[in-house]
Amino acid sequence: MASQQVLHIAGWNTCGFYKRASGVLASLSLLFPTKLKVIDHSFSSRAEYRAWWVDGGFRGNMPDTRAQSHTSSPACWIASGTELKGDEILSWVGGCDDTLAWCRDFVSP
């Protein structure tokens, strides 16, 4: 059996794209608890999210150059652990559309 993947998602809680991607990930983690663990980093406002992601520089920890210019919500990545640590990041997934595409690949035979 493949090991459990840890996927982090961050965004502000009233963003429709964040709600959509977060909801799909939450459903998948309920259906496949041994294969997927989702760590949700919800921020109370767009300003708070951007202060952490853009201004605070967390996106600079991402190994993919696409993440360096990503400013929207959500932001999703795969990590080796559940902590919010830059050195645990394995790969960048992307925003809402990329996350939904990742979900489709995750459940495809």
Protein backbone atom coordinates (compact mmCIF):
# COMPACT_ATOMS: atom_id res chain seq x y z
CA MET A 1 0.00 0.00 0.00
CA ALA A 2 1.26 3.51 -0.81
CA SER A 3 2.01 5.77 2.11
CA GLN A 4 -0.33 8.52 3.19
CA GLN A 5 0.14 11.79 1.32
CA VAL A 6 0.03 15.01 3.33
CA LEU A 7 -1.50 17.89 1.44
CA HIS A 8 -1.62 21.42 2.86
CA ILE A 9 -4.12 24.01 1.71
CA ALA A 10 -4.06 27.66 2.73
CA GLY A 11 -6.49 30.46 1.97
CA TRP A 12 -8.92 32.90 3.48
CA ASN A 13 -12.14 31.40 4.74
CA THR A 14 -14.59 33.48 2.67
CA CYS A 15 -12.85 32.90 -0.67
CA GLY A 16 -15.07 30.78 -2.93
CA PHE A 17 -12.09 29.11 -4.64
CA TYR A 18 -10.59 28.20 -1.27
CA LYS A 19 -13.95 26.81 -0.07
CA ARG A 20 -14.32 24.71 -3.22
CA ALA A 21 -10.83 23.20 -3.17
CA SER A 22 -10.85 22.73 0.61
CA GLY A 23 -14.23 21.01 0.49
CA VAL A 24 -13.16 18.54 -2.19
CA LEU A 25 -9.94 17.76 -0.31
CA ALA A 26 -11.84 17.27 2.95
CA SER A 27 -14.19 14.84 1.21
CA LEU A 28 -11.31 12.87 -0.29
CA SER A 29 -9.58 12.63 3.07
CA LEU A 30 -12.78 11.21 4.58
CA LEU A 31 -13.12 8.68 1.78
CA PHE A 32 -9.42 7.71 1.76
CA PRO A 33 -8.12 8.31 5.30
CA THR A 34 -5.15 5.97 4.91
CA LYS A 35 -4.07 7.59 1.65
CA LEU A 36 -4.62 11.32 2.23
CA LYS A 37 -4.26 13.67 5.17
CA VAL A 38 -5.28 17.28 4.59
CA ILE A 39 -3.88 20.08 6.72
CA ASP A 40 -6.06 23.16 6.41
CA HIS A 41 -4.57 26.60 7.08
CA SER A 42 -7.57 28.93 7.13
CA PHE A 43 -7.08 32.67 7.50
CA SER A 44 -9.83 35.02 8.64
CA SER A 45 -9.28 37.58 5.86
CA ARG A 46 -7.61 38.13 2.52
CA ALA A 47 -5.24 40.62 4.15
CA GLU A 48 -4.20 38.10 6.81
CA TYR A 49 -3.61 35.40 4.18
CA ARG A 50 -1.56 37.70 1.95
CA ALA A 51 0.43 39.00 4.93
CA TRP A 52 1.54 35.40 5.58
CA TRP A 53 1.77 34.03 2.01
CA VAL A 54 3.10 37.01 0.03
CA ASP A 55 4.42 39.67 2.41
CA GLY A 56 5.65 37.16 5.00
CA GLY A 57 7.35 35.17 2.27
CA PHE A 58 6.08 31.66 2.98
CA ARG A 59 5.60 31.08 -0.76
CA GLY A 60 9.38 31.47 -1.12
CA ASN A 61 9.74 28.01 0.48
CA MET A 62 8.05 26.35 -2.49
CA PRO A 63 10.37 24.39 -4.80
CA ASP A 64 8.38 25.34 -7.92
CA THR A 65 8.92 28.74 -9.54
CA ARG A 66 5.17 28.98 -10.32
CA ALA A 67 4.55 29.36 -6.58
CA GLN A 68 6.83 32.41 -6.42
CA SER A 69 4.31 34.48 -8.37
CA HIS A 70 1.14 32.87 -6.96
CA THR A 71 -0.85 35.49 -5.05
CA SER A 72 -4.39 34.11 -5.04
CA SER A 73 -6.28 31.81 -2.71
CA PRO A 74 -5.92 28.90 -2.22
CA ALA A 75 -2.33 27.70 -2.21
CA CYS A 76 -1.79 23.94 -2.03
CA TRP A 77 1.32 21.85 -1.60
CA ILE A 78 2.46 18.36 -0.63
CA ALA A 79 4.70 17.99 2.42
CA SER A 80 6.44 15.30 4.39
CA GLY A 81 4.75 16.35 7.63
CA THR A 82 1.84 18.17 9.16
CA GLU A 83 3.68 21.22 10.48
CA LEU A 84 3.79 24.53 8.66
CA LYS A 85 7.51 24.30 7.96
CA GLY A 86 9.26 25.24 4.76
CA ASP A 87 11.74 22.38 5.02
CA GLU A 88 8.90 19.82 4.93
CA ILE A 89 7.58 20.95 1.52
CA LEU A 90 7.97 18.28 -1.16
CA SER A 91 6.09 19.76 -4.11
CA TRP A 92 3.80 22.58 -5.17
CA VAL A 93 0.29 21.64 -6.30
CA GLY A 94 -1.09 25.09 -7.15
CA GLY A 95 -4.28 27.07 -6.78
CA CYS A 96 -7.89 25.96 -7.05
CA ASP A 97 -7.87 24.61 -10.63
CA ASP A 98 -4.57 22.77 -10.13
CA THR A 99 -5.80 21.33 -6.83
CA LEU A 100 -8.99 20.03 -8.43
CA ALA A 101 -6.91 18.50 -11.24
CA TRP A 102 -4.70 16.86 -8.58
CA CYS A 103 -7.87 15.46 -6.95
CA ARG A 104 -9.04 14.00 -10.26
CA ASP A 105 -5.65 12.31 -10.72
CA PHE A 106 -5.73 11.05 -7.12
CA VAL A 107 -9.00 9.15 -7.66
CA SER A 108 -8.44 8.02 -11.24
CA PRO A 109 -7.71 4.32 -11.73
